[in-house]
Amino acid sequence: MAREKKRRSRGRRSPFAAVALIGAGLLLTGGVYAGASAAMASTTDTQTTAASELTAADGQKLFTANCATCHGLDMQGTPEGPSLIGVGELSVEFQLATGRMPLQMQGPQAPQKTPQFTEPQIRAIASYVQSVTPGPTYPEQWVTDGKTDPEDSSDEVSVSKGAELFRINCAMCHNVAAAGGALTAGKYAPALTSTSALHIYAAMVTGPQNMPVFGDMNLSTQDKRDIIAALVFQQNEVQVGGFTLGSLGPVSEGLFIWIFGIGALVALTVWITAKSN
């Protein structure tokens, strides 16, 4: 009897076919996703470029919608907000970029918070205010992104002189370590430990809130640059270790000694007395 030959079923597939099919599907999906991501990124870049090209006319619209309620359409001020005549774009940029404006609620002082507007919007509003009522503008020797260190300028600055000028003119409010301090009637001088060079300069020139205006008769432009250089140097200084106690000086150090030092002496006295008894 002839032996029947086993034939391979025509419907049977190779075990590698499924793997190849899955791989092809993954490659196709990945290609579609990469193409879509590139298209979205291109659209986002276009929108970002368009947003960065805001003009003073755009700033006028933003001002009317967000600022005119308190400061008035003509910037003359209202019972709810002061006049903006003569404040200039430097002051507007400072108030908006630090989040102090728009004001959330009336109080002794406007606190710093997350900005409500983007940087292009802030520049547009500041440009509009400057076009209507000119005032202090950005310093020429530094770029106006608020990130450039004044030490990057070709002119020399003196950190030691700046530190001395800061102690004489600023430390009575901001603390010798620039950690800030309390003032009267619920007001306070903010810490300068993370403030940008541009905003330090803007505060000295425009005098926001409780800050006095330091004109060139008080501090020359070079003096201001020296003070900023000293503050930036202090911001970038690496701590050598130990307890800084907020860098608030003898007040916090004395409190630490009083609580822990005197407490330790009292505990030791009680222990010795208990042992002797």
Protein backbone atom coordinates (compact mmCIF):
# COMPACT_ATOMS: atom_id res chain seq x y z
CA MET A 1 0.00 0.00 0.00
CA ALA A 2 1.47 3.26 -1.08
CA ARG A 3 2.33 5.63 1.80
CA GLU A 4 0.36 8.83 1.65
CA LYS A 5 2.60 11.87 1.54
CA LYS A 6 1.87 14.64 3.95
CA ARG A 7 1.39 17.90 2.22
CA ARG A 8 1.89 21.33 3.76
CA SER A 9 -1.35 23.15 4.11
CA ARG A 10 -1.58 26.05 1.72
CA GLY A 11 -3.37 28.18 4.38
CA ARG A 12 -0.55 27.92 6.86
CA ARG A 13 1.63 31.06 7.19
CA SER A 14 5.21 31.49 8.27
CA PRO A 15 5.65 32.36 11.99
CA PHE A 16 7.58 35.49 10.94
CA ALA A 17 4.66 36.89 8.98
CA ALA A 18 2.88 38.22 12.07
CA VAL A 19 6.08 39.87 13.32
CA ALA A 20 6.66 41.50 9.94
CA LEU A 21 3.07 42.73 9.82
CA ILE A 22 3.30 44.27 13.30
CA GLY A 23 6.62 45.90 12.44
CA ALA A 24 5.20 47.42 9.27
CA GLY A 25 2.23 48.75 11.22
CA LEU A 26 4.49 50.35 13.81
CA LEU A 27 6.66 51.96 11.14
CA LEU A 28 3.61 53.34 9.37
CA THR A 29 2.13 54.68 12.61
CA GLY A 30 5.45 56.23 13.62
CA GLY A 31 5.81 57.93 10.25
CA VAL A 32 2.33 59.43 10.43
CA TYR A 33 2.94 60.64 14.01
CA ALA A 34 6.30 62.20 13.09
CA GLY A 35 4.74 64.02 10.15
CA ALA A 36 1.86 65.32 12.26
CA SER A 37 4.25 66.46 15.03
CA ALA A 38 6.41 68.35 12.53
CA ALA A 39 3.33 70.06 11.10
CA MET A 40 2.11 71.07 14.57
CA ALA A 41 5.57 72.35 15.53
CA SER A 42 5.70 74.45 12.38
CA THR A 43 2.28 75.90 13.15
CA THR A 44 3.32 76.66 16.74
CA ASP A 45 6.50 78.41 15.58
CA THR A 46 4.46 80.51 13.17
CA GLN A 47 2.02 81.47 15.90
CA THR A 48 4.88 82.30 18.30
CA THR A 49 6.55 84.48 15.69
CA ALA A 50 3.29 86.27 15.02
CA ALA A 51 2.70 86.77 18.77
CA SER A 52 6.21 88.21 19.23
CA GLU A 53 5.50 90.90 16.62
CA LEU A 54 2.88 92.75 18.66
CA THR A 55 2.83 96.50 18.15
CA ALA A 56 1.79 99.52 20.16
CA ALA A 57 -1.65 99.25 18.53
CA ASP A 58 -2.00 95.76 20.01
CA GLY A 59 -0.84 97.19 23.31
CA GLN A 60 -3.60 99.79 23.17
CA LYS A 61 -6.21 97.06 22.84
CA LEU A 62 -4.70 95.15 25.76
CA PHE A 63 -4.53 98.34 27.84
CA THR A 64 -8.16 99.20 27.11
CA ALA A 65 -9.32 95.72 28.05
CA ASN A 66 -7.21 95.20 31.16
CA CYS A 67 -5.87 98.50 32.54
CA ALA A 68 -8.21 101.35 31.62
CA THR A 69 -10.76 100.42 34.28
CA CYS A 70 -8.41 101.64 37.02
CA HIS A 71 -6.03 103.98 35.18
CA GLY A 72 -8.52 105.52 32.76
CA LEU A 73 -8.66 105.47 28.98
CA ASP A 74 -6.59 108.65 28.88
CA MET A 75 -4.17 107.36 31.58
CA GLN A 76 -5.13 110.27 33.84
CA GLY A 77 -6.02 107.87 36.64
CA THR A 78 -9.24 107.19 38.52
CA PRO A 79 -10.21 106.79 42.20
CA GLU A 80 -9.24 103.13 41.75
CA GLY A 81 -5.77 103.68 40.29
CA PRO A 82 -3.07 106.33 39.90
CA SER A 83 -2.22 108.33 36.80
CA LEU A 84 0.29 106.87 34.35
CA ILE A 85 1.38 110.21 32.96
CA GLY A 86 5.16 110.18 32.73
CA VAL A 87 5.72 106.68 34.17
CA GLY A 88 7.23 105.40 30.92
CA GLU A 89 7.62 101.93 29.46
CA LEU A 90 10.27 100.91 32.00
CA SER A 91 7.82 101.24 34.89
CA VAL A 92 5.03 99.49 32.98
CA GLU A 93 7.30 96.58 32.09
CA PHE A 94 8.42 96.29 35.72
CA GLN A 95 4.89 96.27 37.14
CA LEU A 96 3.50 93.79 34.59
CA ALA A 97 6.51 91.46 34.31
CA THR A 98 6.71 91.04 38.09
CA GLY A 99 2.98 90.35 38.31
CA ARG A 100 2.31 93.30 40.60
CA MET A 101 -0.17 94.57 38.05
CA PRO A 102 -3.01 94.02 37.40
CA LEU A 103 -3.73 94.37 41.09
CA GLN A 104 -5.78 91.57 42.65
CA MET A 105 -7.08 93.61 45.56
CA GLN A 106 -6.41 96.87 47.35
CA GLY A 107 -3.86 96.61 50.13
CA PRO A 108 -0.83 98.28 51.69
CA GLN A 109 1.36 96.98 48.88
CA ALA A 110 1.04 95.12 45.59
CA PRO A 111 2.60 91.66 46.01
CA GLN A 112 4.73 90.01 43.36
CA LYS A 113 3.01 87.10 41.57
CA THR A 114 2.99 85.18 38.31
CA PRO A 115 2.58 87.59 35.37
CA GLN A 116 -0.83 87.63 33.70
CA PHE A 117 0.53 88.60 30.28
CA THR A 118 3.17 87.11 28.01
CA GLU A 119 6.41 88.95 27.39
CA PRO A 120 5.35 90.21 23.91
CA GLN A 121 2.07 91.47 25.37
CA ILE A 122 3.90 93.25 28.17
CA ARG A 123 6.24 94.93 25.70
CA ALA A 124 3.30 95.96 23.54
CA ILE A 125 1.44 97.59 26.46
CA ALA A 126 4.63 99.31 27.62
CA SER A 127 5.28 100.57 24.09
CA TYR A 128 1.76 101.99 23.90
CA VAL A 129 2.10 103.82 27.22
CA GLN A 130 5.48 105.19 26.10
CA SER A 131 3.98 106.44 22.83
CA VAL A 132 1.20 108.32 24.63
CA THR A 133 3.09 109.64 27.66
CA PRO A 134 6.88 109.22 27.43
CA GLY A 135 8.92 108.46 30.53
CA PRO A 136 11.87 106.37 31.70
CA THR A 137 12.87 103.81 29.09
CA TYR A 138 15.07 100.73 28.97
CA PRO A 139 18.79 101.24 29.65
CA GLU A 140 20.89 101.25 26.51
CA GLN A 141 23.83 99.32 27.93
CA TRP A 142 21.85 96.14 28.65
CA VAL A 143 19.41 94.17 26.56
CA THR A 144 15.85 94.43 27.77
CA ASP A 145 15.00 90.76 28.31
CA GLY A 146 15.61 91.13 32.03
CA LYS A 147 18.19 88.34 32.00
CA THR A 148 21.42 90.03 30.94
CA ASP A 149 24.01 90.56 33.61
CA PRO A 150 25.39 94.12 33.68
CA GLU A 151 28.82 92.54 34.11
CA ASP A 152 28.54 91.39 30.48
CA SER A 153 28.96 94.99 29.36
CA SER A 154 32.33 96.09 28.03
CA ASP A 155 32.55 98.78 30.71
CA GLU A 156 34.06 97.76 34.01
CA VAL A 157 31.98 97.48 37.15
CA SER A 158 33.08 97.32 40.77
CA VAL A 159 31.37 94.71 42.91
CA SER A 160 33.03 95.99 46.09
CA LYS A 161 31.96 99.58 45.44
CA GLY A 162 28.47 98.39 44.57
CA ALA A 163 28.22 96.48 47.84
CA GLU A 164 29.29 99.58 49.75
CA LEU A 165 26.74 101.75 47.92
CA PHE A 166 24.05 99.17 48.60
CA ARG A 167 24.81 99.18 52.34
CA ILE A 168 24.65 102.98 52.43
CA ASN A 169 21.53 103.53 50.30
CA CYS A 170 19.49 100.32 50.31
CA ALA A 171 20.33 98.03 53.24
CA MET A 172 18.20 99.93 55.76
CA CYS A 173 15.11 98.62 53.94
CA HIS A 174 16.21 95.60 51.93
CA ASN A 175 18.58 94.20 54.59
CA VAL A 176 22.35 94.03 54.19
CA ALA A 177 21.98 90.56 52.63
CA ALA A 178 19.20 91.78 50.27
CA ALA A 179 16.80 89.41 52.04
CA GLY A 180 14.09 92.08 52.38
CA GLY A 181 12.58 93.59 55.48
CA ALA A 182 9.41 94.93 57.10
CA LEU A 183 8.33 98.57 56.87
CA THR A 184 5.50 100.48 58.54
CA ALA A 185 1.73 100.05 58.07
CA GLY A 186 1.99 96.52 56.67
CA LYS A 187 4.42 97.46 53.93
CA TYR A 188 7.70 95.70 53.22
CA ALA A 189 10.85 95.90 51.14
CA PRO A 190 11.00 92.79 48.92
CA ALA A 191 13.95 90.42 48.77
CA LEU A 192 16.38 90.95 45.90
CA THR A 193 17.82 87.45 45.93
CA SER A 194 16.30 86.53 42.56
CA THR A 195 15.42 89.89 41.00
CA SER A 196 16.76 90.43 37.47
CA ALA A 197 19.26 93.16 36.64
CA LEU A 198 16.70 95.03 34.54
CA HIS A 199 14.10 95.08 37.31
CA ILE A 200 16.61 96.24 39.91
CA TYR A 201 17.52 99.11 37.60
CA ALA A 202 13.84 99.85 36.91
CA ALA A 203 13.09 100.02 40.63
CA MET A 204 15.91 102.51 41.23
CA VAL A 205 14.89 104.70 38.30
CA THR A 206 11.09 104.63 38.63
CA GLY A 207 10.61 104.20 42.39
CA PRO A 208 7.69 101.75 42.55
CA GLN A 209 5.42 101.83 45.61
CA ASN A 210 7.56 102.59 48.70
CA MET A 211 10.84 102.70 46.77
CA PRO A 212 12.43 106.15 46.43
CA VAL A 213 13.61 107.34 43.04
CA PHE A 214 17.39 107.40 42.74
CA GLY A 215 18.18 110.03 40.12
CA ASP A 216 21.58 110.71 38.69
CA MET A 217 22.13 113.33 41.39
CA ASN A 218 21.82 110.60 44.02
CA LEU A 219 23.37 107.66 42.21
CA SER A 220 25.03 107.98 38.83
CA THR A 221 24.42 105.42 36.12
CA GLN A 222 27.76 103.84 36.94
CA ASP A 223 26.81 103.68 40.63
CA LYS A 224 23.58 101.90 39.71
CA ARG A 225 25.50 99.43 37.58
CA ASP A 226 27.92 98.77 40.44
CA ILE A 227 25.04 98.10 42.85
CA ILE A 228 23.41 95.72 40.37
CA ALA A 229 26.70 93.94 39.78
CA ALA A 230 27.08 93.43 43.54
CA LEU A 231 23.55 92.03 43.84
CA VAL A 232 24.00 89.72 40.85
CA PHE A 233 27.29 88.52 42.33
CA GLN A 234 25.54 87.81 45.62
CA GLN A 235 22.75 85.92 43.82
CA ASN A 236 25.29 83.68 42.08
CA GLU A 237 27.49 83.20 45.14
CA VAL A 238 27.87 79.59 46.24
CA GLN A 239 27.07 79.01 49.91
CA VAL A 240 30.09 77.66 51.77
CA GLY A 241 27.97 75.64 54.17
CA GLY A 242 26.53 75.95 57.64
CA PHE A 243 23.25 77.48 58.76
CA THR A 244 22.57 80.73 56.91
CA LEU A 245 19.48 81.46 59.04
CA GLY A 246 18.01 83.42 56.17
CA SER A 247 21.11 85.66 56.08
CA LEU A 248 19.29 88.07 58.35
CA GLY A 249 22.27 88.83 60.53
CA PRO A 250 22.51 89.13 64.33
CA VAL A 251 18.76 89.11 64.97
CA SER A 252 18.19 85.54 63.77
CA GLU A 253 21.58 84.41 65.10
CA GLY A 254 20.83 85.83 68.54
CA LEU A 255 17.39 84.19 68.56
CA PHE A 256 18.98 80.87 67.63
CA ILE A 257 21.51 81.15 70.49
CA TRP A 258 18.81 82.23 72.94
CA ILE A 259 16.51 79.30 72.16
CA PHE A 260 19.01 76.50 71.66
CA GLY A 261 22.05 77.75 73.56
CA ILE A 262 20.25 78.92 76.70
CA GLY A 263 17.90 75.94 76.42
CA ALA A 264 20.86 73.58 76.39
CA LEU A 265 22.36 75.28 79.48
CA VAL A 266 19.04 75.00 81.34
CA ALA A 267 18.74 71.33 80.41
CA LEU A 268 22.33 70.68 81.57
CA THR A 269 21.65 72.47 84.89
CA VAL A 270 18.53 70.40 85.48
CA TRP A 271 20.45 67.21 84.69
CA ILE A 272 23.31 68.07 87.08
CA THR A 273 20.82 68.95 89.84
CA ALA A 274 18.96 65.68 89.32
CA LYS A 275 22.21 63.68 89.50
CA SER A 276 23.32 65.40 92.69
CA ASN A 277 20.01 64.63 94.38
